[in-house]
Amino acid sequence: MKWIGNRESDNVEDRRGMSRGGKVVTGGGVLGIIILLLNIFGGEQAHQFIPVLEQFNRGQQTEQAQPPELSEEDENTGKFVKTVFAYTEDTWTKVLAENNVAYRKPKMVLFTDAVETACGGASSASGPFYCPADEKVYMDLAFFQELQTRFGAKGGDFAIAYVIAHEVGHHIQNVLGTSGKVSKLQQSRSEVEANKLSVALELQADFYAGVWAKQNQKYLDVDDIDEALSAAQAVGDDAIQSRMQGQVIPESFTHGTSEQRKYWFMKGYNTGDIRQGDTFAEIH
């Protein structure tokens, strides 16, 4: 993806190397990443494991006087993330204005291992996630290496861009009032029906990511869409359950199958029209 020399967002807070309490930490690990991928992008099922994971992480942490210096690669990744986030700001300000909606810019927090949010404490086990209470996207960039090495995604910078765009898609749902309506509906539905609504919400975020990609075609390289589709393939509920559990339980899906996630991303990309993203009509 083309990004060097373009505007970097001022709405990204880099807390990498700092614990949720503001102390510098090292360690962390594989256990958190494995739990993370049980229910990717902030799903509820993984949250029950977070207290255990955090206790494990605390045993691995060591305090230091000063934050560790980021490597050149980490610094560049941070700049890339800030630039992509700026692209989302520009795109959604324009697209929502065309639909007579004012865009509230979200913020992003890059963290290591654990973080405090207005939605409560979270660890890397939550995966990249959006908190509607503070309108912030939270992300531990270690996720992307594990996504590639353990779960077969191609990697590449656009895999990161796709995930950022997906999480910003949840912010769009918050701005438009969609997520609040879904949350109320879920309270009166069975677990299976509530899960279906969660799937529709996640697929719509993928659709919005595709719309964003369409609006930013001038920045895309030839392999970027393939990188996004590879990431979507890797984080489908069926792919994760098959790898982690050896079986697939459709009734427990909360994010959609690999094929669904790819389909809705591509529908957003092919149409570029936010009005074409009624994923809720597809779940009945």
Protein backbone atom coordinates (compact mmCIF):
# COMPACT_ATOMS: atom_id res chain seq x y z
CA MET A 1 0.00 0.00 0.00
CA LYS A 2 1.25 3.47 -0.85
CA TRP A 3 1.62 5.54 2.30
CA ILE A 4 5.11 7.04 2.77
CA GLY A 5 5.02 10.82 2.87
CA ASN A 6 1.27 11.10 3.37
CA ARG A 7 -0.54 12.61 6.34
CA GLU A 8 -0.36 10.75 9.66
CA SER A 9 -3.35 10.91 11.98
CA ASP A 10 -3.03 12.88 15.21
CA ASN A 11 -5.58 10.56 16.79
CA VAL A 12 -3.28 7.58 17.43
CA GLU A 13 -1.84 7.04 20.91
CA ASP A 14 1.19 4.75 20.97
CA ARG A 15 1.42 2.90 24.30
CA ARG A 16 3.53 0.02 23.06
CA GLY A 17 5.78 -1.30 25.81
CA MET A 18 3.59 0.13 28.57
CA SER A 19 1.32 -1.91 30.84
CA ARG A 20 -2.26 -0.88 31.58
CA GLY A 21 -0.95 0.77 34.75
CA GLY A 22 1.61 2.81 32.85
CA LYS A 23 4.58 0.60 33.70
CA VAL A 24 6.90 -0.85 31.14
CA VAL A 25 6.48 -4.56 30.57
CA THR A 26 8.18 -7.34 28.71
CA GLY A 27 7.05 -10.89 28.15
CA GLY A 28 3.48 -11.85 27.26
CA GLY A 29 3.01 -14.55 24.84
CA VAL A 30 1.72 -17.33 22.86
CA LEU A 31 -1.09 -18.25 25.26
CA GLY A 32 -2.72 -14.88 24.78
CA ILE A 33 -2.47 -15.08 21.02
CA ILE A 34 -4.05 -18.55 20.98
CA ILE A 35 -6.99 -17.37 23.08
CA LEU A 36 -7.21 -14.25 20.93
CA LEU A 37 -7.82 -16.30 17.82
CA LEU A 38 -10.62 -18.33 19.41
CA ASN A 39 -12.88 -15.39 18.79
CA ILE A 40 -11.17 -12.76 16.75
CA PHE A 41 -11.75 -9.00 16.74
CA GLY A 42 -13.18 -8.66 20.21
CA GLY A 43 -15.67 -11.54 20.40
CA GLU A 44 -17.23 -12.41 23.72
CA GLN A 45 -16.18 -16.03 24.05
CA ALA A 46 -12.52 -15.21 24.54
CA HIS A 47 -13.22 -12.73 27.33
CA GLN A 48 -13.94 -15.45 29.87
CA PHE A 49 -10.30 -16.49 29.62
CA ILE A 50 -8.85 -13.01 30.09
CA PRO A 51 -8.44 -13.11 33.92
CA VAL A 52 -6.44 -16.34 33.63
CA LEU A 53 -4.37 -14.93 30.80
CA GLU A 54 -3.67 -11.71 32.67
CA GLN A 55 -2.46 -13.65 35.70
CA PHE A 56 -0.12 -15.54 33.38
CA ASN A 57 1.08 -12.32 31.79
CA ARG A 58 1.79 -10.70 35.16
CA GLY A 59 4.11 -13.56 35.94
CA GLN A 60 5.99 -12.82 32.75
CA GLN A 61 6.32 -9.06 33.19
CA THR A 62 9.29 -7.08 34.43
CA GLU A 63 9.28 -3.40 35.27
CA GLN A 64 11.79 -1.00 33.78
CA ALA A 65 12.52 2.64 34.44
CA GLN A 66 11.99 3.83 30.87
CA PRO A 67 9.93 2.55 27.94
CA PRO A 68 11.98 0.36 25.63
CA GLU A 69 13.05 2.03 22.43
CA LEU A 70 11.11 0.84 19.43
CA SER A 71 13.03 -0.76 16.60
CA GLU A 72 13.14 0.95 13.23
CA GLU A 73 10.67 -1.62 11.93
CA ASP A 74 8.28 -0.95 14.82
CA GLU A 75 8.60 2.80 14.29
CA ASN A 76 7.76 2.40 10.60
CA THR A 77 4.80 0.18 11.41
CA GLY A 78 3.51 2.85 13.76
CA LYS A 79 3.83 5.47 11.02
CA PHE A 80 2.02 3.17 8.60
CA VAL A 81 -0.83 2.66 11.07
CA LYS A 82 -1.15 6.41 11.62
CA THR A 83 -1.27 6.99 7.87
CA VAL A 84 -3.93 4.33 7.30
CA PHE A 85 -5.95 5.78 10.17
CA ALA A 86 -5.68 9.18 8.47
CA TYR A 87 -7.00 7.58 5.26
CA THR A 88 -10.03 6.31 7.21
CA GLU A 89 -10.62 9.79 8.64
CA ASP A 90 -10.57 11.39 5.21
CA THR A 91 -12.73 8.71 3.61
CA TRP A 92 -15.48 8.54 6.21
CA THR A 93 -15.68 12.30 6.65
CA LYS A 94 -16.38 12.51 2.91
CA VAL A 95 -18.66 9.45 2.56
CA LEU A 96 -20.84 10.23 5.57
CA ALA A 97 -21.13 13.89 4.55
CA GLU A 98 -22.46 12.68 1.20
CA ASN A 99 -25.12 10.84 3.20
CA ASN A 100 -25.90 13.84 5.42
CA VAL A 101 -24.16 12.43 8.50
CA ALA A 102 -21.44 14.23 10.46
CA TYR A 103 -18.43 12.03 11.16
CA ARG A 104 -16.95 11.90 14.66
CA LYS A 105 -13.32 10.85 14.32
CA PRO A 106 -12.42 7.92 16.57
CA LYS A 107 -9.05 7.46 18.22
CA MET A 108 -6.68 4.51 18.14
CA VAL A 109 -4.51 3.08 20.91
CA LEU A 110 -1.55 0.82 20.15
CA PHE A 111 -0.68 -1.28 23.19
CA THR A 112 1.38 -4.22 24.39
CA ASP A 113 -0.23 -7.14 26.24
CA ALA A 114 -2.92 -5.29 28.25
CA VAL A 115 -4.82 -2.02 28.28
CA GLU A 116 -7.50 -0.14 30.24
CA THR A 117 -10.50 1.07 28.25
CA ALA A 118 -13.87 2.65 28.94
CA CYS A 119 -15.29 -0.80 28.18
CA GLY A 120 -13.11 -2.34 30.93
CA GLY A 121 -9.68 -3.90 31.07
CA ALA A 122 -8.56 -6.00 28.14
CA SER A 123 -5.55 -8.02 27.09
CA SER A 124 -4.16 -9.06 23.75
CA ALA A 125 -6.49 -12.05 24.02
CA SER A 126 -9.29 -9.74 22.94
CA GLY A 127 -7.66 -9.18 19.56
CA PRO A 128 -8.01 -5.83 17.83
CA PHE A 129 -11.27 -4.30 19.05
CA TYR A 130 -13.39 -1.17 19.10
CA CYS A 131 -14.81 0.26 22.34
CA PRO A 132 -17.97 2.30 21.67
CA ALA A 133 -17.91 3.85 25.15
CA ASP A 134 -14.73 5.83 24.42
CA GLU A 135 -14.87 5.57 20.61
CA LYS A 136 -11.37 4.13 20.39
CA VAL A 137 -9.84 1.29 18.39
CA TYR A 138 -7.39 -0.82 20.43
CA MET A 139 -4.71 -2.94 18.80
CA ASP A 140 -1.65 -4.98 19.80
CA LEU A 141 0.40 -5.22 16.62
CA ALA A 142 1.86 -8.58 17.70
CA PHE A 143 -1.44 -10.00 16.45
CA PHE A 144 -0.42 -9.67 12.82
CA GLN A 145 2.73 -11.77 13.09
CA GLU A 146 0.77 -14.57 14.73
CA LEU A 147 -1.98 -14.26 12.13
CA GLN A 148 0.58 -14.92 9.44
CA THR A 149 2.84 -17.52 11.07
CA ARG A 150 0.24 -19.59 12.92
CA PHE A 151 -2.92 -19.19 10.88
CA GLY A 152 -1.71 -19.01 7.33
CA ALA A 153 -2.58 -15.47 6.31
CA LYS A 154 -0.33 -13.99 3.63
CA GLY A 155 0.53 -11.01 5.78
CA GLY A 156 1.56 -7.79 4.11
CA ASP A 157 0.79 -4.22 5.08
CA PHE A 158 -2.73 -4.31 3.68
CA ALA A 159 -3.68 -7.09 6.11
CA ILE A 160 -3.06 -4.51 8.83
CA ALA A 161 -5.00 -1.90 6.86
CA TYR A 162 -7.94 -4.29 6.46
CA VAL A 163 -8.15 -4.92 10.21
CA ILE A 164 -7.95 -1.19 10.96
CA ALA A 165 -10.70 -0.53 8.41
CA HIS A 166 -12.82 -3.32 9.93
CA GLU A 167 -12.56 -1.85 13.42
CA VAL A 168 -13.30 1.64 12.10
CA GLY A 169 -16.31 -0.01 10.46
CA HIS A 170 -17.59 -0.73 13.97
CA HIS A 171 -17.19 2.98 14.72
CA ILE A 172 -19.31 3.76 11.66
CA GLN A 173 -21.98 1.46 13.09
CA ASN A 174 -21.76 3.38 16.35
CA VAL A 175 -22.08 6.75 14.59
CA LEU A 176 -25.08 5.51 12.58
CA GLY A 177 -26.74 3.95 15.63
CA THR A 178 -26.62 0.41 14.27
CA SER A 179 -24.60 -1.16 17.06
CA GLY A 180 -26.85 0.28 19.77
CA LYS A 181 -29.96 -1.11 18.09
CA VAL A 182 -28.36 -4.53 17.73
CA SER A 183 -27.31 -4.58 21.37
CA LYS A 184 -30.90 -3.92 22.47
CA LEU A 185 -32.25 -6.60 20.15
CA GLN A 186 -29.77 -9.15 21.47
CA GLN A 187 -31.04 -8.71 25.02
CA SER A 188 -34.41 -10.20 24.06
CA ARG A 189 -33.15 -12.97 21.78
CA SER A 190 -31.91 -16.50 22.36
CA GLU A 191 -28.18 -17.11 22.34
CA VAL A 192 -28.33 -18.54 18.82
CA GLU A 193 -30.32 -15.58 17.51
CA ALA A 194 -28.08 -13.11 19.34
CA ASN A 195 -25.07 -14.77 17.72
CA LYS A 196 -26.65 -14.31 14.29
CA LEU A 197 -27.00 -10.61 14.98
CA SER A 198 -23.34 -10.48 16.01
CA VAL A 199 -22.39 -12.16 12.74
CA ALA A 200 -24.38 -9.58 10.76
CA LEU A 201 -22.67 -6.77 12.68
CA GLU A 202 -19.22 -8.18 11.96
CA LEU A 203 -19.94 -8.80 8.29
CA GLN A 204 -21.18 -5.25 7.93
CA ALA A 205 -17.87 -4.02 9.40
CA ASP A 206 -16.13 -6.10 6.72
CA PHE A 207 -18.40 -4.50 4.13
CA TYR A 208 -17.45 -1.03 5.36
CA ALA A 209 -13.79 -2.03 5.17
CA GLY A 210 -14.38 -2.89 1.52
CA VAL A 211 -16.08 0.45 0.88
CA TRP A 212 -13.07 2.17 2.43
CA ALA A 213 -10.69 0.18 0.22
CA LYS A 214 -12.70 1.19 -2.87
CA GLN A 215 -12.45 4.84 -1.89
CA ASN A 216 -8.67 4.49 -1.53
CA GLN A 217 -7.87 2.60 -4.73
CA LYS A 218 -5.20 5.12 -5.68
CA TYR A 219 -3.11 3.94 -2.73
CA LEU A 220 -3.47 0.20 -3.39
CA ASP A 221 -0.77 -2.06 -4.78
CA VAL A 222 -1.54 -5.03 -6.99
CA ASP A 223 -1.49 -7.61 -4.17
CA ASP A 224 -3.35 -5.61 -1.53
CA ILE A 225 -6.84 -7.01 -2.05
CA ASP A 226 -5.44 -10.55 -1.96
CA GLU A 227 -3.78 -9.72 1.37
CA ALA A 228 -7.11 -8.53 2.77
CA LEU A 229 -8.93 -11.63 1.53
CA SER A 230 -6.24 -13.87 3.00
CA ALA A 231 -6.68 -12.19 6.38
CA ALA A 232 -10.47 -12.51 6.12
CA GLN A 233 -10.05 -16.20 5.26
CA ALA A 234 -7.85 -16.75 8.31
CA VAL A 235 -10.25 -15.13 10.78
CA GLY A 236 -13.49 -16.77 9.70
CA ASP A 237 -15.24 -18.55 12.57
CA ASP A 238 -15.15 -21.85 10.70
CA ALA A 239 -11.42 -21.57 9.98
CA ILE A 240 -10.58 -20.69 13.59
CA GLN A 241 -12.79 -23.39 15.10
CA SER A 242 -11.45 -26.01 12.72
CA ARG A 243 -7.86 -25.16 13.63
CA MET A 244 -8.36 -24.69 17.36
CA GLN A 245 -11.08 -27.24 18.15
CA GLY A 246 -10.96 -29.69 15.29
CA GLN A 247 -14.67 -29.18 14.66
CA VAL A 248 -17.02 -26.46 13.50
CA ILE A 249 -20.14 -25.39 15.43
CA PRO A 250 -22.14 -22.96 13.26
CA GLU A 251 -24.57 -22.05 16.07
CA SER A 252 -21.68 -20.56 18.01
CA PHE A 253 -20.42 -18.34 15.19
CA THR A 254 -20.18 -14.66 16.11
CA HIS A 255 -18.18 -13.25 13.20
CA GLY A 256 -19.12 -15.26 10.12
CA THR A 257 -17.44 -17.87 7.98
CA SER A 258 -14.36 -17.20 5.91
CA GLU A 259 -16.45 -17.13 2.74
CA GLN A 260 -18.97 -14.71 4.25
CA ARG A 261 -16.24 -12.37 5.40
CA LYS A 262 -14.58 -12.36 1.99
CA TYR A 263 -17.93 -11.93 0.22
CA TRP A 264 -18.96 -8.88 2.20
CA PHE A 265 -15.54 -7.24 1.99
CA MET A 266 -15.62 -7.66 -1.78
CA LYS A 267 -19.22 -6.44 -2.01
CA GLY A 268 -18.14 -3.25 -0.27
CA TYR A 269 -15.12 -2.97 -2.52
CA ASN A 270 -17.05 -3.61 -5.73
CA THR A 271 -19.94 -1.26 -4.96
CA GLY A 272 -18.26 1.43 -2.88
CA ASP A 273 -21.78 2.26 -1.64
CA ILE A 274 -22.59 2.11 2.09
CA ARG A 275 -26.28 1.66 1.25
CA GLN A 276 -25.55 -1.82 -0.15
CA GLY A 277 -24.40 -3.26 3.18
CA ASP A 278 -27.59 -4.61 4.78
CA THR A 279 -26.07 -7.78 6.18
CA PHE A 280 -28.99 -8.17 8.58
CA ALA A 281 -31.36 -9.00 5.71
CA GLU A 282 -29.18 -12.04 5.00
CA ILE A 283 -29.40 -13.74 8.40
CA HIS A 284 -33.06 -14.79 8.36
